[in-house]
Amino acid sequence: MTEYVLRFIAGGAIVSVFAILGDMLKPKSFGGLLGAAPSVALATLSIAVVQHGPHYAAAESWTMIYGAIALICYSLAVCHLLMRFRLAALPSTILAFAVWLAVAFGLLAGLGGAA
């Protein structure tokens, strides 16, 4: 139960800091990027360091990096399918999800949790 309270407090504090930072940046649409993934990732990593130690958090951070690389590949695939092949949004995202899975699990299988 205390882990959930700690996650709530740490996550809320970090999200608030990133939201304030994002609000100060121009254009305002850029601020939304800072409100979600980076703040949640930092909260998760800080809790991982406290509960499991720095080696565990390092491995977890590498898996987050692999997921980010896979997200870039997914985004490029969606854009390519939408613009070049003129597919609708739903089929494009479903097909690109296979790209995300292949890249994410390929990186994890090939490089593991730590480099």
PDB file of N, CA and C in Angstrom:
ATOM      1  N   MET A   1       0.823  -1.192   0.000  1.00  0.00           N
ATOM      2  CA  MET A   1       0.000   0.000   0.000  1.00  0.00           C
ATOM      3  C   MET A   1       0.863   1.250   0.000  1.00  0.00           C
ATOM      4  N   THR A   2       1.969   1.218   0.740  1.00  0.00           N
ATOM      5  CA  THR A   2       2.838   2.396   0.793  1.00  0.00           C
ATOM      6  C   THR A   2       3.497   2.659  -0.562  1.00  0.00           C
ATOM      7  N   GLU A   3       3.718   1.593  -1.343  1.00  0.00           N
ATOM      8  CA  GLU A   3       4.296   1.792  -2.677  1.00  0.00           C
ATOM      9  C   GLU A   3       3.351   2.620  -3.542  1.00  0.00           C
ATOM     10  N   TYR A   4       2.063   2.365  -3.463  1.00  0.00           N
ATOM     11  CA  TYR A   4       1.106   3.118  -4.260  1.00  0.00           C
ATOM     12  C   TYR A   4       1.037   4.574  -3.808  1.00  0.00           C
ATOM     13  N   VAL A   5       1.109   4.810  -2.525  1.00  0.00           N
ATOM     14  CA  VAL A   5       1.117   6.184  -2.012  1.00  0.00           C
ATOM     15  C   VAL A   5       2.385   6.901  -2.476  1.00  0.00           C
ATOM     16  N   LEU A   6       3.512   6.201  -2.405  1.00  0.00           N
ATOM     17  CA  LEU A   6       4.768   6.782  -2.858  1.00  0.00           C
ATOM     18  C   LEU A   6       4.717   7.090  -4.350  1.00  0.00           C
ATOM     19  N   ARG A   7       4.186   6.182  -5.146  1.00  0.00           N
ATOM     20  CA  ARG A   7       4.047   6.417  -6.585  1.00  0.00           C
ATOM     21  C   ARG A   7       3.144   7.621  -6.849  1.00  0.00           C
ATOM     22  N   PHE A   8       2.069   7.718  -6.101  1.00  0.00           N
ATOM     23  CA  PHE A   8       1.131   8.819  -6.273  1.00  0.00           C
ATOM     24  C   PHE A   8       1.801  10.156  -5.969  1.00  0.00           C
ATOM     25  N   ILE A   9       2.515  10.220  -4.849  1.00  0.00           N
ATOM     26  CA  ILE A   9       3.154  11.472  -4.447  1.00  0.00           C
ATOM     27  C   ILE A   9       4.298  11.834  -5.388  1.00  0.00           C
ATOM     28  N   ALA A  10       5.185  10.874  -5.659  1.00  0.00           N
ATOM     29  CA  ALA A  10       6.322  11.150  -6.543  1.00  0.00           C
ATOM     30  C   ALA A  10       5.839  11.475  -7.956  1.00  0.00           C
ATOM     31  N   GLY A  11       4.922  10.690  -8.459  1.00  0.00           N
ATOM     32  CA  GLY A  11       4.393  10.939  -9.801  1.00  0.00           C
ATOM     33  C   GLY A  11       3.705  12.285  -9.896  1.00  0.00           C
ATOM     34  N   GLY A  12       2.904  12.608  -8.913  1.00  0.00           N
ATOM     35  CA  GLY A  12       2.205  13.897  -8.915  1.00  0.00           C
ATOM     36  C   GLY A  12       3.149  15.072  -8.849  1.00  0.00           C
ATOM     37  N   ALA A  13       4.171  14.962  -8.015  1.00  0.00           N
ATOM     38  CA  ALA A  13       5.143  16.056  -7.893  1.00  0.00           C
ATOM     39  C   ALA A  13       5.923  16.244  -9.193  1.00  0.00           C
ATOM     40  N   ILE A  14       6.378  15.160  -9.772  1.00  0.00           N
ATOM     41  CA  ILE A  14       7.167  15.269 -11.000  1.00  0.00           C
ATOM     42  C   ILE A  14       6.293  15.733 -12.160  1.00  0.00           C
ATOM     43  N   VAL A  15       5.079  15.227 -12.256  1.00  0.00           N
ATOM     44  CA  VAL A  15       4.163  15.670 -13.309  1.00  0.00           C
ATOM     45  C   VAL A  15       3.880  17.159 -13.158  1.00  0.00           C
ATOM     46  N   SER A  16       3.714  17.626 -11.933  1.00  0.00           N
ATOM     47  CA  SER A  16       3.455  19.049 -11.702  1.00  0.00           C
ATOM     48  C   SER A  16       4.629  19.910 -12.139  1.00  0.00           C
ATOM     49  N   VAL A  17       5.841  19.481 -11.819  1.00  0.00           N
ATOM     50  CA  VAL A  17       7.028  20.236 -12.227  1.00  0.00           C
ATOM     51  C   VAL A  17       7.128  20.291 -13.746  1.00  0.00           C
ATOM     52  N   PHE A  18       6.916  19.159 -14.411  1.00  0.00           N
ATOM     53  CA  PHE A  18       6.973  19.138 -15.860  1.00  0.00           C
ATOM     54  C   PHE A  18       5.838  19.944 -16.481  1.00  0.00           C
ATOM     55  N   ALA A  19       4.669  19.944 -15.869  1.00  0.00           N
ATOM     56  CA  ALA A  19       3.547  20.734 -16.385  1.00  0.00           C
ATOM     57  C   ALA A  19       3.854  22.224 -16.289  1.00  0.00           C
ATOM     58  N   ILE A  20       4.467  22.651 -15.191  1.00  0.00           N
ATOM     59  CA  ILE A  20       4.848  24.060 -15.046  1.00  0.00           C
ATOM     60  C   ILE A  20       5.899  24.422 -16.086  1.00  0.00           C
ATOM     61  N   LEU A  21       6.891  23.558 -16.260  1.00  0.00           N
ATOM     62  CA  LEU A  21       7.918  23.787 -17.267  1.00  0.00           C
ATOM     63  C   LEU A  21       7.307  23.845 -18.662  1.00  0.00           C
ATOM     64  N   GLY A  22       6.409  22.922 -18.957  1.00  0.00           N
ATOM     65  CA  GLY A  22       5.751  22.905 -20.257  1.00  0.00           C
ATOM     66  C   GLY A  22       4.889  24.124 -20.492  1.00  0.00           C
ATOM     67  N   ASP A  23       4.302  24.669 -19.440  1.00  0.00           N
ATOM     68  CA  ASP A  23       3.466  25.856 -19.562  1.00  0.00           C
ATOM     69  C   ASP A  23       4.305  27.091 -19.880  1.00  0.00           C
ATOM     70  N   MET A  24       5.548  27.078 -19.459  1.00  0.00           N
ATOM     71  CA  MET A  24       6.427  28.223 -19.701  1.00  0.00           C
ATOM     72  C   MET A  24       7.006  28.213 -21.119  1.00  0.00           C
ATOM     73  N   LEU A  25       6.979  27.076 -21.805  1.00  0.00           N
ATOM     74  CA  LEU A  25       7.567  26.962 -23.135  1.00  0.00           C
ATOM     75  C   LEU A  25       6.606  27.431 -24.219  1.00  0.00           C
ATOM     76  N   LYS A  26       7.185  27.827 -25.330  1.00  0.00           N
ATOM     77  CA  LYS A  26       6.406  28.215 -26.492  1.00  0.00           C
ATOM     78  C   LYS A  26       6.728  27.242 -27.613  1.00  0.00           C
ATOM     79  N   PRO A  27       5.863  26.798 -28.456  1.00  0.00           N
ATOM     80  CA  PRO A  27       4.425  26.988 -28.413  1.00  0.00           C
ATOM     81  C   PRO A  27       3.787  26.143 -27.319  1.00  0.00           C
ATOM     82  N   LYS A  28       2.588  26.495 -26.967  1.00  0.00           N
ATOM     83  CA  LYS A  28       1.897  25.813 -25.862  1.00  0.00           C
ATOM     84  C   LYS A  28       1.651  24.343 -26.167  1.00  0.00           C
ATOM     85  N   SER A  29       1.510  23.991 -27.439  1.00  0.00           N
ATOM     86  CA  SER A  29       1.282  22.587 -27.778  1.00  0.00           C
ATOM     87  C   SER A  29       2.496  21.735 -27.432  1.00  0.00           C
ATOM     88  N   PHE A  30       3.674  22.335 -27.375  1.00  0.00           N
ATOM     89  CA  PHE A  30       4.884  21.607 -27.012  1.00  0.00           C
ATOM     90  C   PHE A  30       4.860  21.192 -25.543  1.00  0.00           C
ATOM     91  N   GLY A  31       4.161  21.954 -24.726  1.00  0.00           N
ATOM     92  CA  GLY A  31       4.093  21.653 -23.298  1.00  0.00           C
ATOM     93  C   GLY A  31       3.460  20.311 -22.992  1.00  0.00           C
ATOM     94  N   GLY A  32       2.570  19.835 -23.852  1.00  0.00           N
ATOM     95  CA  GLY A  32       1.938  18.544 -23.642  1.00  0.00           C
ATOM     96  C   GLY A  32       2.916  17.385 -23.699  1.00  0.00           C
ATOM     97  N   LEU A  33       3.987  17.556 -24.442  1.00  0.00           N
ATOM     98  CA  LEU A  33       5.008  16.510 -24.515  1.00  0.00           C
ATOM     99  C   LEU A  33       5.682  16.284 -23.174  1.00  0.00           C
ATOM    100  N   LEU A  34       5.817  17.347 -22.408  1.00  0.00           N
ATOM    101  CA  LEU A  34       6.513  17.234 -21.134  1.00  0.00           C
ATOM    102  C   LEU A  34       5.604  16.770 -20.002  1.00  0.00           C
ATOM    103  N   GLY A  35       4.303  16.781 -20.218  1.00  0.00           N
ATOM    104  CA  GLY A  35       3.388  16.461 -19.150  1.00  0.00           C
ATOM    105  C   GLY A  35       3.165  14.983 -18.909  1.00  0.00           C
ATOM    106  N   ALA A  36       3.554  14.136 -19.847  1.00  0.00           N
ATOM    107  CA  ALA A  36       3.184  12.731 -19.731  1.00  0.00           C
ATOM    108  C   ALA A  36       4.392  11.827 -19.540  1.00  0.00           C
ATOM    109  N   ALA A  37       4.944  11.342 -20.617  1.00  0.00           N
ATOM    110  CA  ALA A  37       5.944  10.274 -20.558  1.00  0.00           C
ATOM    111  C   ALA A  37       7.197  10.614 -19.756  1.00  0.00           C
ATOM    112  N   PRO A  38       7.842  11.763 -19.945  1.00  0.00           N
ATOM    113  CA  PRO A  38       9.074  12.001 -19.177  1.00  0.00           C
ATOM    114  C   PRO A  38       8.835  12.037 -17.669  1.00  0.00           C
ATOM    115  N   SER A  39       7.744  12.639 -17.263  1.00  0.00           N
ATOM    116  CA  SER A  39       7.492  12.741 -15.826  1.00  0.00           C
ATOM    117  C   SER A  39       7.158  11.389 -15.214  1.00  0.00           C
ATOM    118  N   VAL A  40       6.377  10.597 -15.917  1.00  0.00           N
ATOM    119  CA  VAL A  40       6.040   9.270 -15.413  1.00  0.00           C
ATOM    120  C   VAL A  40       7.280   8.378 -15.386  1.00  0.00           C
ATOM    121  N   ALA A  41       8.115   8.493 -16.418  1.00  0.00           N
ATOM    122  CA  ALA A  41       9.347   7.701 -16.457  1.00  0.00           C
ATOM    123  C   ALA A  41      10.271   8.068 -15.297  1.00  0.00           C
ATOM    124  N   LEU A  42      10.418   9.353 -15.017  1.00  0.00           N
ATOM    125  CA  LEU A  42      11.266   9.765 -13.895  1.00  0.00           C
ATOM    126  C   LEU A  42      10.714   9.291 -12.558  1.00  0.00           C
ATOM    127  N   ALA A  43       9.409   9.362 -12.397  1.00  0.00           N
ATOM    128  CA  ALA A  43       8.807   8.875 -11.157  1.00  0.00           C
ATOM    129  C   ALA A  43       9.032   7.376 -11.009  1.00  0.00           C
ATOM    130  N   THR A  44       8.838   6.638 -12.089  1.00  0.00           N
ATOM    131  CA  THR A  44       9.036   5.187 -12.052  1.00  0.00           C
ATOM    132  C   THR A  44      10.485   4.840 -11.743  1.00  0.00           C
ATOM    133  N   LEU A  45      11.419   5.531 -12.391  1.00  0.00           N
ATOM    134  CA  LEU A  45      12.840   5.254 -12.142  1.00  0.00           C
ATOM    135  C   LEU A  45      13.261   5.628 -10.733  1.00  0.00           C
ATOM    136  N   SER A  46      12.741   6.726 -10.208  1.00  0.00           N
ATOM    137  CA  SER A  46      13.109   7.106  -8.843  1.00  0.00           C
ATOM    138  C   SER A  46      12.599   6.082  -7.831  1.00  0.00           C
ATOM    139  N   ILE A  47      11.416   5.570  -8.046  1.00  0.00           N
ATOM    140  CA  ILE A  47      10.888   4.534  -7.157  1.00  0.00           C
ATOM    141  C   ILE A  47      11.693   3.248  -7.311  1.00  0.00           C
ATOM    142  N   ALA A  48      12.093   2.921  -8.551  1.00  0.00           N
ATOM    143  CA  ALA A  48      12.893   1.718  -8.786  1.00  0.00           C
ATOM    144  C   ALA A  48      14.243   1.809  -8.086  1.00  0.00           C
ATOM    145  N   VAL A  49      14.849   2.986  -8.075  1.00  0.00           N
ATOM    146  CA  VAL A  49      16.131   3.160  -7.387  1.00  0.00           C
ATOM    147  C   VAL A  49      15.958   2.952  -5.891  1.00  0.00           C
ATOM    148  N   VAL A  50      14.906   3.530  -5.344  1.00  0.00           N
ATOM    149  CA  VAL A  50      14.684   3.421  -3.897  1.00  0.00           C
ATOM    150  C   VAL A  50      14.369   1.978  -3.492  1.00  0.00           C
ATOM    151  N   GLN A  51      13.531   1.302  -4.269  1.00  0.00           N
ATOM    152  CA  GLN A  51      13.076  -0.031  -3.872  1.00  0.00           C
ATOM    153  C   GLN A  51      14.022  -1.152  -4.292  1.00  0.00           C
ATOM    154  N   HIS A  52      14.667  -1.016  -5.463  1.00  0.00           N
ATOM    155  CA  HIS A  52      15.433  -2.143  -5.997  1.00  0.00           C
ATOM    156  C   HIS A  52      16.906  -1.841  -6.228  1.00  0.00           C
ATOM    157  N   GLY A  53      17.303  -0.599  -6.135  1.00  0.00           N
ATOM    158  CA  GLY A  53      18.699  -0.251  -6.330  1.00  0.00           C
ATOM    159  C   GLY A  53      18.993   0.281  -7.721  1.00  0.00           C
ATOM    160  N   PRO A  54      20.188   0.842  -7.887  1.00  0.00           N
ATOM    161  CA  PRO A  54      20.522   1.501  -9.153  1.00  0.00           C
ATOM    162  C   PRO A  54      20.691   0.543 -10.337  1.00  0.00           C
ATOM    163  N   HIS A  55      21.133  -0.687 -10.097  1.00  0.00           N
ATOM    164  CA  HIS A  55      21.320  -1.620 -11.203  1.00  0.00           C
ATOM    165  C   HIS A  55      19.982  -2.010 -11.827  1.00  0.00           C
ATOM    166  N   TYR A  56      18.997  -2.231 -11.012  1.00  0.00           N
ATOM    167  CA  TYR A  56      17.653  -2.536 -11.503  1.00  0.00           C
ATOM    168  C   TYR A  56      17.092  -1.347 -12.277  1.00  0.00           C
ATOM    169  N   ALA A  57      17.271  -0.145 -11.728  1.00  0.00           N
ATOM    170  CA  ALA A  57      16.767   1.056 -12.401  1.00  0.00           C
ATOM    171  C   ALA A  57      17.486   1.280 -13.724  1.00  0.00           C
ATOM    172  N   ALA A  58      18.765   0.945 -13.796  1.00  0.00           N
ATOM    173  CA  ALA A  58      19.505   1.088 -15.049  1.00  0.00           C
ATOM    174  C   ALA A  58      18.941   0.153 -16.115  1.00  0.00           C
ATOM    175  N   ALA A  59      18.664  -1.086 -15.729  1.00  0.00           N
ATOM    176  CA  ALA A  59      18.073  -2.031 -16.675  1.00  0.00           C
ATOM    177  C   ALA A  59      16.691  -1.548 -17.115  1.00  0.00           C
ATOM    178  N   GLU A  60      15.931  -1.020 -16.175  1.00  0.00           N
ATOM    179  CA  GLU A  60      14.600  -0.516 -16.496  1.00  0.00           C
ATOM    180  C   GLU A  60      14.685   0.695 -17.424  1.00  0.00           C
ATOM    181  N   SER A  61      15.683   1.536 -17.223  1.00  0.00           N
ATOM    182  CA  SER A  61      15.831   2.707 -18.091  1.00  0.00           C
ATOM    183  C   SER A  61      16.186   2.300 -19.518  1.00  0.00           C
ATOM    184  N   TRP A  62      16.979   1.231 -19.674  1.00  0.00           N
ATOM    185  CA  TRP A  62      17.287   0.758 -21.021  1.00  0.00           C
ATOM    186  C   TRP A  62      16.032   0.257 -21.726  1.00  0.00           C
ATOM    187  N   THR A  63      15.149  -0.421 -21.006  1.00  0.00           N
ATOM    188  CA  THR A  63      13.918  -0.877 -21.641  1.00  0.00           C
ATOM    189  C   THR A  63      13.035   0.306 -22.030  1.00  0.00           C
ATOM    190  N   MET A  64      13.086   1.383 -21.253  1.00  0.00           N
ATOM    191  CA  MET A  64      12.351   2.598 -21.630  1.00  0.00           C
ATOM    192  C   MET A  64      12.932   3.211 -22.898  1.00  0.00           C
ATOM    193  N   ILE A  65      14.243   3.198 -23.022  1.00  0.00           N
ATOM    194  CA  ILE A  65      14.898   3.712 -24.230  1.00  0.00           C
ATOM    195  C   ILE A  65      14.510   2.871 -25.436  1.00  0.00           C
ATOM    196  N   TYR A  66      14.493   1.553 -25.273  1.00  0.00           N
ATOM    197  CA  TYR A  66      14.086   0.680 -26.372  1.00  0.00           C
ATOM    198  C   TYR A  66      12.644   0.972 -26.781  1.00  0.00           C
ATOM    199  N   GLY A  67      11.788   1.186 -25.815  1.00  0.00           N
ATOM    200  CA  GLY A  67      10.400   1.532 -26.114  1.00  0.00           C
ATOM    201  C   GLY A  67      10.285   2.854 -26.853  1.00  0.00           C
ATOM    202  N   ALA A  68      11.124   3.825 -26.500  1.00  0.00           N
ATOM    203  CA  ALA A  68      11.110   5.117 -27.186  1.00  0.00           C
ATOM    204  C   ALA A  68      11.579   4.972 -28.634  1.00  0.00           C
ATOM    205  N   ILE A  69      12.617   4.171 -28.844  1.00  0.00           N
ATOM    206  CA  ILE A  69      13.092   3.922 -30.208  1.00  0.00           C
ATOM    207  C   ILE A  69      12.000   3.227 -31.017  1.00  0.00           C
ATOM    208  N   ALA A  70      11.330   2.267 -30.401  1.00  0.00           N
ATOM    209  CA  ALA A  70      10.236   1.574 -31.082  1.00  0.00           C
ATOM    210  C   ALA A  70       9.097   2.543 -31.396  1.00  0.00           C
ATOM    211  N   LEU A  71       8.841   3.497 -30.498  1.00  0.00           N
ATOM    212  CA  LEU A  71       7.788   4.487 -30.742  1.00  0.00           C
ATOM    213  C   LEU A  71       8.142   5.378 -31.932  1.00  0.00           C
ATOM    214  N   ILE A  72       9.414   5.734 -32.064  1.00  0.00           N
ATOM    215  CA  ILE A  72       9.844   6.524 -33.222  1.00  0.00           C
ATOM    216  C   ILE A  72       9.605   5.736 -34.506  1.00  0.00           C
ATOM    217  N   CYS A  73       9.979   4.465 -34.501  1.00  0.00           N
ATOM    218  CA  CYS A  73       9.756   3.620 -35.682  1.00  0.00           C
ATOM    219  C   CYS A  73       8.268   3.469 -35.983  1.00  0.00           C
ATOM    220  N   TYR A  74       7.461   3.310 -34.952  1.00  0.00           N
ATOM    221  CA  TYR A  74       6.005   3.224 -35.106  1.00  0.00           C
ATOM    222  C   TYR A  74       5.460   4.500 -35.734  1.00  0.00           C
ATOM    223  N   SER A  75       5.894   5.642 -35.226  1.00  0.00           N
ATOM    224  CA  SER A  75       5.403   6.925 -35.733  1.00  0.00           C
ATOM    225  C   SER A  75       5.784   7.124 -37.193  1.00  0.00           C
ATOM    226  N   LEU A  76       7.017   6.776 -37.528  1.00  0.00           N
ATOM    227  CA  LEU A  76       7.448   6.890 -38.921  1.00  0.00           C
ATOM    228  C   LEU A  76       6.645   5.941 -39.822  1.00  0.00           C
ATOM    229  N   ALA A  77       6.383   4.744 -39.337  1.00  0.00           N
ATOM    230  CA  ALA A  77       5.606   3.787 -40.125  1.00  0.00           C
ATOM    231  C   ALA A  77       4.180   4.282 -40.342  1.00  0.00           C
ATOM    232  N   VAL A  78       3.560   4.837 -39.302  1.00  0.00           N
ATOM    233  CA  VAL A  78       2.201   5.370 -39.439  1.00  0.00           C
ATOM    234  C   VAL A  78       2.183   6.504 -40.458  1.00  0.00           C
ATOM    235  N   CYS A  79       3.126   7.425 -40.333  1.00  0.00           N
ATOM    236  CA  CYS A  79       3.186   8.539 -41.281  1.00  0.00           C
ATOM    237  C   CYS A  79       3.380   8.043 -42.710  1.00  0.00           C
ATOM    238  N   HIS A  80       4.244   7.080 -42.867  1.00  0.00           N
ATOM    239  CA  HIS A  80       4.514   6.525 -44.192  1.00  0.00           C
ATOM    240  C   HIS A  80       3.262   5.858 -44.766  1.00  0.00           C
ATOM    241  N   LEU A  81       2.581   5.074 -43.965  1.00  0.00           N
ATOM    242  CA  LEU A  81       1.373   4.399 -44.432  1.00  0.00           C
ATOM    243  C   LEU A  81       0.247   5.386 -44.742  1.00  0.00           C
ATOM    244  N   LEU A  82       0.134   6.432 -43.932  1.00  0.00           N
ATOM    245  CA  LEU A  82      -0.912   7.420 -44.163  1.00  0.00           C
ATOM    246  C   LEU A  82      -0.626   8.279 -45.385  1.00  0.00           C
ATOM    247  N   MET A  83       0.607   8.725 -45.529  1.00  0.00           N
ATOM    248  CA  MET A  83       0.930   9.685 -46.583  1.00  0.00           C
ATOM    249  C   MET A  83       1.229   9.009 -47.927  1.00  0.00           C
ATOM    250  N   ARG A  84       2.046   7.982 -47.913  1.00  0.00           N
ATOM    251  CA  ARG A  84       2.464   7.378 -49.174  1.00  0.00           C
ATOM    252  C   ARG A  84       1.428   6.399 -49.719  1.00  0.00           C
ATOM    253  N   PHE A  85       0.899   5.537 -48.845  1.00  0.00           N
ATOM    254  CA  PHE A  85      -0.034   4.517 -49.309  1.00  0.00           C
ATOM    255  C   PHE A  85      -1.495   4.922 -49.145  1.00  0.00           C
ATOM    256  N   ARG A  86      -1.718   6.080 -48.541  1.00  0.00           N
ATOM    257  CA  ARG A  86      -3.074   6.618 -48.379  1.00  0.00           C
ATOM    258  C   ARG A  86      -4.026   5.665 -47.655  1.00  0.00           C
ATOM    259  N   LEU A  87      -3.480   4.910 -46.696  1.00  0.00           N
ATOM    260  CA  LEU A  87      -4.339   4.045 -45.885  1.00  0.00           C
ATOM    261  C   LEU A  87      -5.094   4.889 -44.873  1.00  0.00           C
ATOM    262  N   ALA A  88      -6.202   4.373 -44.407  1.00  0.00           N
ATOM    263  CA  ALA A  88      -6.953   5.044 -43.348  1.00  0.00           C
ATOM    264  C   ALA A  88      -6.185   4.917 -42.028  1.00  0.00           C
ATOM    265  N   ALA A  89      -6.597   5.672 -41.048  1.00  0.00           N
ATOM    266  CA  ALA A  89      -5.872   5.727 -39.779  1.00  0.00           C
ATOM    267  C   ALA A  89      -5.869   4.383 -39.042  1.00  0.00           C
ATOM    268  N   LEU A  90      -7.009   3.720 -38.980  1.00  0.00           N
ATOM    269  CA  LEU A  90      -7.081   2.465 -38.227  1.00  0.00           C
ATOM    270  C   LEU A  90      -6.184   1.371 -38.809  1.00  0.00           C
ATOM    271  N   PRO A  91      -6.251   1.091 -40.108  1.00  0.00           N
ATOM    272  CA  PRO A  91      -5.328   0.074 -40.630  1.00  0.00           C
ATOM    273  C   PRO A  91      -3.861   0.476 -40.502  1.00  0.00           C
ATOM    274  N   SER A  92      -3.582   1.761 -40.647  1.00  0.00           N
ATOM    275  CA  SER A  92      -2.196   2.231 -40.515  1.00  0.00           C
ATOM    276  C   SER A  92      -1.655   1.988 -39.119  1.00  0.00           C
ATOM    277  N   THR A  93      -2.459   2.306 -38.122  1.00  0.00           N
ATOM    278  CA  THR A  93      -1.988   2.119 -36.746  1.00  0.00           C
ATOM    279  C   THR A  93      -1.869   0.648 -36.381  1.00  0.00           C
ATOM    280  N   ILE A  94      -2.767  -0.166 -36.897  1.00  0.00           N
ATOM    281  CA  ILE A  94      -2.688  -1.605 -36.610  1.00  0.00           C
ATOM    282  C   ILE A  94      -1.452  -2.214 -37.252  1.00  0.00           C
ATOM    283  N   LEU A  95      -1.191  -1.857 -38.509  1.00  0.00           N
ATOM    284  CA  LEU A  95       0.006  -2.368 -39.181  1.00  0.00           C
ATOM    285  C   LEU A  95       1.284  -1.847 -38.512  1.00  0.00           C
ATOM    286  N   ALA A  96       1.275  -0.593 -38.146  1.00  0.00           N
ATOM    287  CA  ALA A  96       2.461  -0.011 -37.521  1.00  0.00           C
ATOM    288  C   ALA A  96       2.694  -0.576 -36.119  1.00  0.00           C
ATOM    289  N   PHE A  97       1.649  -1.051 -35.470  1.00  0.00           N
ATOM    290  CA  PHE A  97       1.820  -1.668 -34.158  1.00  0.00           C
ATOM    291  C   PHE A  97       2.715  -2.895 -34.253  1.00  0.00           C
ATOM    292  N   ALA A  98       2.599  -3.615 -35.366  1.00  0.00           N
ATOM    293  CA  ALA A  98       3.488  -4.759 -35.586  1.00  0.00           C
ATOM    294  C   ALA A  98       4.936  -4.299 -35.689  1.00  0.00           C
ATOM    295  N   VAL A  99       5.156  -3.128 -36.289  1.00  0.00           N
ATOM    296  CA  VAL A  99       6.504  -2.558 -36.356  1.00  0.00           C
ATOM    297  C   VAL A  99       7.007  -2.255 -34.951  1.00  0.00           C
ATOM    298  N   TRP A 100       6.143  -1.632 -34.138  1.00  0.00           N
ATOM    299  CA  TRP A 100       6.537  -1.307 -32.768  1.00  0.00           C
ATOM    300  C   TRP A 100       6.927  -2.568 -31.997  1.00  0.00           C
ATOM    301  N   LEU A 101       6.093  -3.588 -32.096  1.00  0.00           N
ATOM    302  CA  LEU A 101       6.387  -4.839 -31.389  1.00  0.00           C
ATOM    303  C   LEU A 101       7.705  -5.449 -31.846  1.00  0.00           C
ATOM    304  N   ALA A 102       7.913  -5.478 -33.166  1.00  0.00           N
ATOM    305  CA  ALA A 102       9.145  -6.077 -33.703  1.00  0.00           C
ATOM    306  C   ALA A 102      10.375  -5.312 -33.242  1.00  0.00           C
ATOM    307  N   VAL A 103      10.324  -3.993 -33.288  1.00  0.00           N
ATOM    308  CA  VAL A 103      11.487  -3.195 -32.882  1.00  0.00           C
ATOM    309  C   VAL A 103      11.719  -3.305 -31.380  1.00  0.00           C
ATOM    310  N   ALA A 104      10.674  -3.150 -30.586  1.00  0.00           N
ATOM    311  CA  ALA A 104      10.823  -3.174 -29.127  1.00  0.00           C
ATOM    312  C   ALA A 104      11.358  -4.521 -28.649  1.00  0.00           C
ATOM    313  N   PHE A 105      10.722  -5.592 -29.073  1.00  0.00           N
ATOM    314  CA  PHE A 105      11.168  -6.912 -28.612  1.00  0.00           C
ATOM    315  C   PHE A 105      12.461  -7.348 -29.281  1.00  0.00           C
ATOM    316  N   GLY A 106      12.705  -6.851 -30.498  1.00  0.00           N
ATOM    317  CA  GLY A 106      13.983  -7.137 -31.147  1.00  0.00           C
ATOM    318  C   GLY A 106      15.139  -6.484 -30.396  1.00  0.00           C
ATOM    319  N   LEU A 107      14.959  -5.241 -30.002  1.00  0.00           N
ATOM    320  CA  LEU A 107      15.995  -4.566 -29.212  1.00  0.00           C
ATOM    321  C   LEU A 107      16.184  -5.248 -27.864  1.00  0.00           C
ATOM    322  N   LEU A 108      15.087  -5.593 -27.223  1.00  0.00           N
ATOM    323  CA  LEU A 108      15.185  -6.254 -25.919  1.00  0.00           C
ATOM    324  C   LEU A 108      15.869  -7.607 -26.027  1.00  0.00           C
ATOM    325  N   ALA A 109      15.525  -8.369 -27.055  1.00  0.00           N
ATOM    326  CA  ALA A 109      16.139  -9.687 -27.231  1.00  0.00           C
ATOM    327  C   ALA A 109      17.599  -9.571 -27.652  1.00  0.00           C
ATOM    328  N   GLY A 110      17.874  -8.589 -28.501  1.00  0.00           N
ATOM    329  CA  GLY A 110      19.235  -8.444 -29.015  1.00  0.00           C
ATOM    330  C   GLY A 110      20.199  -7.782 -28.052  1.00  0.00           C
ATOM    331  N   LEU A 111      19.712  -6.779 -27.333  1.00  0.00           N
ATOM    332  CA  LEU A 111      20.602  -6.015 -26.457  1.00  0.00           C
ATOM    333  C   LEU A 111      20.367  -6.276 -24.972  1.00  0.00           C
ATOM    334  N   GLY A 112      19.224  -6.803 -24.622  1.00  0.00           N
ATOM    335  CA  GLY A 112      18.931  -7.110 -23.225  1.00  0.00           C
ATOM    336  C   GLY A 112      18.558  -5.866 -22.438  1.00  0.00           C
ATOM    337  N   GLY A 113      18.510  -6.032 -21.123  1.00  0.00           N
ATOM    338  CA  GLY A 113      18.106  -4.935 -20.246  1.00  0.00           C
ATOM    339  C   GLY A 113      19.185  -3.937 -19.936  1.00  0.00           C
ATOM    340  N   ALA A 114      20.431  -4.260 -20.228  1.00  0.00           N
ATOM    341  CA  ALA A 114      21.517  -3.317 -19.956  1.00  0.00           C
ATOM    342  C   ALA A 114      22.559  -3.445 -21.053  1.00  0.00           C
ATOM    343  N   ALA A 115      23.179  -2.341 -21.355  1.00  0.00           N
ATOM    344  CA  ALA A 115      24.197  -2.365 -22.405  1.00  0.00           C
ATOM    345  C   ALA A 115      25.589  -2.432 -21.819  1.00  0.00           C
TER     346      ALA A 115
END
